Amino acid sequence: MMTAYAAGYETWAELVRRDADHHHGKGWHPTGIFGAIGAAAACAYDCASWTAKAAHAIALGASQSAGLMPTSGP
């Protein structure tokens, strides 16, 4: 369980590191946004399902936490 916790925390920390202070500047707390993604990563690690199921779990965590914006070009 502690290893799964660490995997979830590392996922959360990496997302925060990549987008440092961007969310705080807009009035958002990164835990509310990235916490669901980290929790999904921890659950996927704990269930030993680092496969397509893990990708789906993390994608659901991302879309349910705050939604996703499309990144397609013009």
N, C-alpha and C. Protein backbone atom coordinates (compact mmCIF):
# COMPACT_ATOMS: atom_id res chain seq x y z
N MET A 1 0.82 -1.18 0.00
CA MET A 1 0.00 0.00 0.00
C MET A 1 0.88 1.26 0.00
N MET A 2 1.97 1.23 0.74
CA MET A 2 2.85 2.41 0.77
C MET A 2 3.50 2.67 -0.59
N THR A 3 3.79 1.61 -1.31
CA THR A 3 4.38 1.77 -2.64
C THR A 3 3.36 2.38 -3.59
N ALA A 4 2.10 1.96 -3.48
CA ALA A 4 1.05 2.54 -4.30
C ALA A 4 0.86 4.01 -3.96
N TYR A 5 0.91 4.33 -2.67
CA TYR A 5 0.81 5.73 -2.24
C TYR A 5 1.94 6.55 -2.86
N ALA A 6 3.15 6.01 -2.81
CA ALA A 6 4.30 6.72 -3.38
C ALA A 6 4.13 6.91 -4.89
N ALA A 7 3.60 5.92 -5.58
CA ALA A 7 3.37 6.05 -7.02
C ALA A 7 2.36 7.15 -7.31
N GLY A 8 1.30 7.20 -6.52
CA GLY A 8 0.30 8.26 -6.70
C GLY A 8 0.87 9.63 -6.40
N TYR A 9 1.65 9.73 -5.33
CA TYR A 9 2.26 11.01 -4.96
C TYR A 9 3.26 11.46 -6.02
N GLU A 10 4.06 10.54 -6.52
CA GLU A 10 5.03 10.88 -7.56
C GLU A 10 4.34 11.35 -8.83
N THR A 11 3.22 10.73 -9.17
CA THR A 11 2.45 11.17 -10.33
C THR A 11 1.95 12.58 -10.12
N TRP A 12 1.35 12.84 -8.95
CA TRP A 12 0.85 14.17 -8.62
C TRP A 12 1.98 15.20 -8.65
N ALA A 13 3.11 14.87 -8.02
CA ALA A 13 4.23 15.81 -7.93
C ALA A 13 4.80 16.13 -9.30
N GLU A 14 4.86 15.16 -10.18
CA GLU A 14 5.37 15.40 -11.53
C GLU A 14 4.44 16.34 -12.30
N LEU A 15 3.16 16.16 -12.15
CA LEU A 15 2.21 17.06 -12.84
C LEU A 15 2.32 18.48 -12.30
N VAL A 16 2.44 18.62 -10.99
CA VAL A 16 2.60 19.94 -10.39
C VAL A 16 3.92 20.57 -10.83
N ARG A 17 4.99 19.77 -10.88
CA ARG A 17 6.30 20.29 -11.31
C ARG A 17 6.26 20.81 -12.74
N ARG A 18 5.55 20.12 -13.60
CA ARG A 18 5.48 20.52 -15.00
C ARG A 18 4.67 21.80 -15.20
N ASP A 19 3.80 22.10 -14.26
CA ASP A 19 2.93 23.25 -14.42
C ASP A 19 2.97 24.13 -13.16
N ALA A 20 4.18 24.38 -12.67
CA ALA A 20 4.35 25.11 -11.41
C ALA A 20 3.75 26.51 -11.47
N ASP A 21 2.93 26.82 -10.47
CA ASP A 21 2.32 28.13 -10.25
C ASP A 21 1.31 28.56 -11.31
N HIS A 22 1.15 27.80 -12.35
CA HIS A 22 0.17 28.17 -13.37
C HIS A 22 -1.25 28.14 -12.81
N HIS A 23 -1.57 27.10 -12.08
CA HIS A 23 -2.91 26.97 -11.54
C HIS A 23 -3.15 27.93 -10.38
N HIS A 24 -2.15 28.11 -9.54
CA HIS A 24 -2.28 29.06 -8.43
C HIS A 24 -2.56 30.46 -8.96
N GLY A 25 -1.94 30.82 -10.05
CA GLY A 25 -2.14 32.14 -10.66
C GLY A 25 -3.56 32.35 -11.14
N LYS A 26 -4.25 31.27 -11.45
CA LYS A 26 -5.64 31.37 -11.90
C LYS A 26 -6.62 31.10 -10.78
N GLY A 27 -6.12 30.92 -9.54
CA GLY A 27 -6.99 30.71 -8.40
C GLY A 27 -7.38 29.27 -8.13
N TRP A 28 -6.70 28.33 -8.77
CA TRP A 28 -6.99 26.91 -8.58
C TRP A 28 -5.93 26.30 -7.68
N HIS A 29 -6.30 25.30 -6.92
CA HIS A 29 -5.33 24.56 -6.11
C HIS A 29 -5.00 23.28 -6.86
N PRO A 30 -3.73 22.99 -7.11
CA PRO A 30 -3.37 21.83 -7.93
C PRO A 30 -3.81 20.49 -7.35
N THR A 31 -4.01 20.40 -6.03
CA THR A 31 -4.44 19.13 -5.46
C THR A 31 -5.81 18.75 -5.99
N GLY A 32 -6.70 19.71 -6.12
CA GLY A 32 -8.04 19.42 -6.64
C GLY A 32 -8.03 18.96 -8.08
N ILE A 33 -7.07 19.42 -8.82
CA ILE A 33 -6.98 19.06 -10.24
C ILE A 33 -6.18 17.78 -10.43
N PHE A 34 -4.98 17.75 -9.85
CA PHE A 34 -4.07 16.63 -10.07
C PHE A 34 -4.24 15.51 -9.06
N GLY A 35 -4.97 15.75 -7.98
CA GLY A 35 -5.16 14.73 -6.96
C GLY A 35 -5.90 13.51 -7.47
N ALA A 36 -6.92 13.74 -8.30
CA ALA A 36 -7.68 12.61 -8.85
C ALA A 36 -6.81 11.76 -9.77
N ILE A 37 -5.91 12.41 -10.50
CA ILE A 37 -5.01 11.68 -11.39
C ILE A 37 -4.01 10.86 -10.57
N GLY A 38 -3.48 11.45 -9.51
CA GLY A 38 -2.56 10.73 -8.64
C GLY A 38 -3.24 9.57 -7.95
N ALA A 39 -4.49 9.77 -7.51
CA ALA A 39 -5.24 8.69 -6.87
C ALA A 39 -5.48 7.54 -7.84
N ALA A 40 -5.80 7.87 -9.09
CA ALA A 40 -6.00 6.83 -10.10
C ALA A 40 -4.71 6.06 -10.34
N ALA A 41 -3.58 6.78 -10.36
CA ALA A 41 -2.29 6.11 -10.55
C ALA A 41 -1.98 5.19 -9.37
N ALA A 42 -2.29 5.65 -8.16
CA ALA A 42 -2.05 4.81 -6.97
C ALA A 42 -2.91 3.55 -7.01
N CYS A 43 -4.17 3.70 -7.37
CA CYS A 43 -5.06 2.53 -7.45
C CYS A 43 -4.60 1.57 -8.54
N ALA A 44 -4.19 2.11 -9.68
CA ALA A 44 -3.71 1.25 -10.76
C ALA A 44 -2.46 0.50 -10.33
N TYR A 45 -1.57 1.17 -9.61
CA TYR A 45 -0.35 0.51 -9.13
C TYR A 45 -0.69 -0.56 -8.11
N ASP A 46 -1.61 -0.24 -7.20
CA ASP A 46 -1.99 -1.19 -6.16
C ASP A 46 -2.66 -2.43 -6.75
N CYS A 47 -3.38 -2.26 -7.82
CA CYS A 47 -4.05 -3.40 -8.47
C CYS A 47 -3.13 -4.09 -9.48
N ALA A 48 -1.90 -3.62 -9.57
CA ALA A 48 -0.91 -4.19 -10.50
C ALA A 48 -1.45 -4.24 -11.92
N SER A 49 -2.07 -3.16 -12.33
CA SER A 49 -2.63 -3.15 -13.69
C SER A 49 -2.04 -2.01 -14.50
N TRP A 50 -0.71 -1.97 -14.59
CA TRP A 50 -0.06 -0.96 -15.42
C TRP A 50 -0.14 -1.38 -16.88
N THR A 51 -1.33 -1.36 -17.38
CA THR A 51 -1.59 -1.72 -18.78
C THR A 51 -2.56 -0.68 -19.32
N ALA A 52 -3.33 -1.09 -20.30
CA ALA A 52 -4.34 -0.18 -20.85
C ALA A 52 -5.37 0.20 -19.78
N LYS A 53 -5.63 -0.69 -18.82
CA LYS A 53 -6.57 -0.36 -17.74
C LYS A 53 -6.06 0.80 -16.91
N ALA A 54 -4.76 0.84 -16.66
CA ALA A 54 -4.17 1.94 -15.90
C ALA A 54 -4.31 3.24 -16.68
N ALA A 55 -4.06 3.19 -17.98
CA ALA A 55 -4.20 4.38 -18.81
C ALA A 55 -5.64 4.89 -18.78
N HIS A 56 -6.59 3.98 -18.83
CA HIS A 56 -8.00 4.38 -18.76
C HIS A 56 -8.34 4.99 -17.41
N ALA A 57 -7.82 4.41 -16.34
CA ALA A 57 -8.09 4.93 -15.00
C ALA A 57 -7.53 6.34 -14.85
N ILE A 58 -6.33 6.56 -15.33
CA ILE A 58 -5.71 7.89 -15.23
C ILE A 58 -6.45 8.88 -16.13
N ALA A 59 -6.86 8.45 -17.31
CA ALA A 59 -7.63 9.34 -18.19
C ALA A 59 -8.97 9.72 -17.57
N LEU A 60 -9.63 8.77 -16.91
CA LEU A 60 -10.88 9.09 -16.22
C LEU A 60 -10.63 10.05 -15.07
N GLY A 61 -9.55 9.86 -14.34
CA GLY A 61 -9.21 10.78 -13.27
C GLY A 61 -8.97 12.19 -13.79
N ALA A 62 -8.32 12.29 -14.93
CA ALA A 62 -8.05 13.60 -15.52
C ALA A 62 -9.33 14.27 -16.00
N SER A 63 -10.18 13.53 -16.65
CA SER A 63 -11.39 14.15 -17.18
C SER A 63 -12.42 14.45 -16.11
N GLN A 64 -12.42 13.69 -15.01
CA GLN A 64 -13.38 13.93 -13.95
C GLN A 64 -12.92 15.02 -12.98
N SER A 65 -11.63 15.27 -12.89
CA SER A 65 -11.15 16.26 -11.92
C SER A 65 -11.46 17.67 -12.36
N ALA A 66 -11.22 18.00 -13.60
CA ALA A 66 -11.47 19.37 -14.05
C ALA A 66 -11.75 19.44 -15.54
N GLY A 67 -11.79 18.32 -16.21
CA GLY A 67 -12.03 18.33 -17.65
C GLY A 67 -10.72 18.47 -18.40
N LEU A 68 -10.74 18.13 -19.65
CA LEU A 68 -9.58 18.24 -20.50
C LEU A 68 -9.87 19.19 -21.64
N MET A 69 -8.84 19.87 -22.10
CA MET A 69 -8.99 20.75 -23.25
C MET A 69 -8.37 20.05 -24.44
N PRO A 70 -8.97 20.18 -25.62
CA PRO A 70 -8.36 19.57 -26.80
C PRO A 70 -7.04 20.26 -27.13
N THR A 71 -6.10 19.51 -27.64
CA THR A 71 -4.81 20.07 -27.97
C THR A 71 -4.52 19.98 -29.47
N SER A 72 -5.58 19.92 -30.26
CA SER A 72 -5.37 19.82 -31.70
C SER A 72 -5.03 21.20 -32.27
N GLY A 73 -4.37 21.17 -33.39
CA GLY A 73 -3.95 22.40 -34.05
C GLY A 73 -5.11 23.10 -34.76
N PRO A 74 -4.81 24.23 -35.38
CA PRO A 74 -5.87 25.02 -36.07
C PRO A 74 -6.46 24.32 -37.26
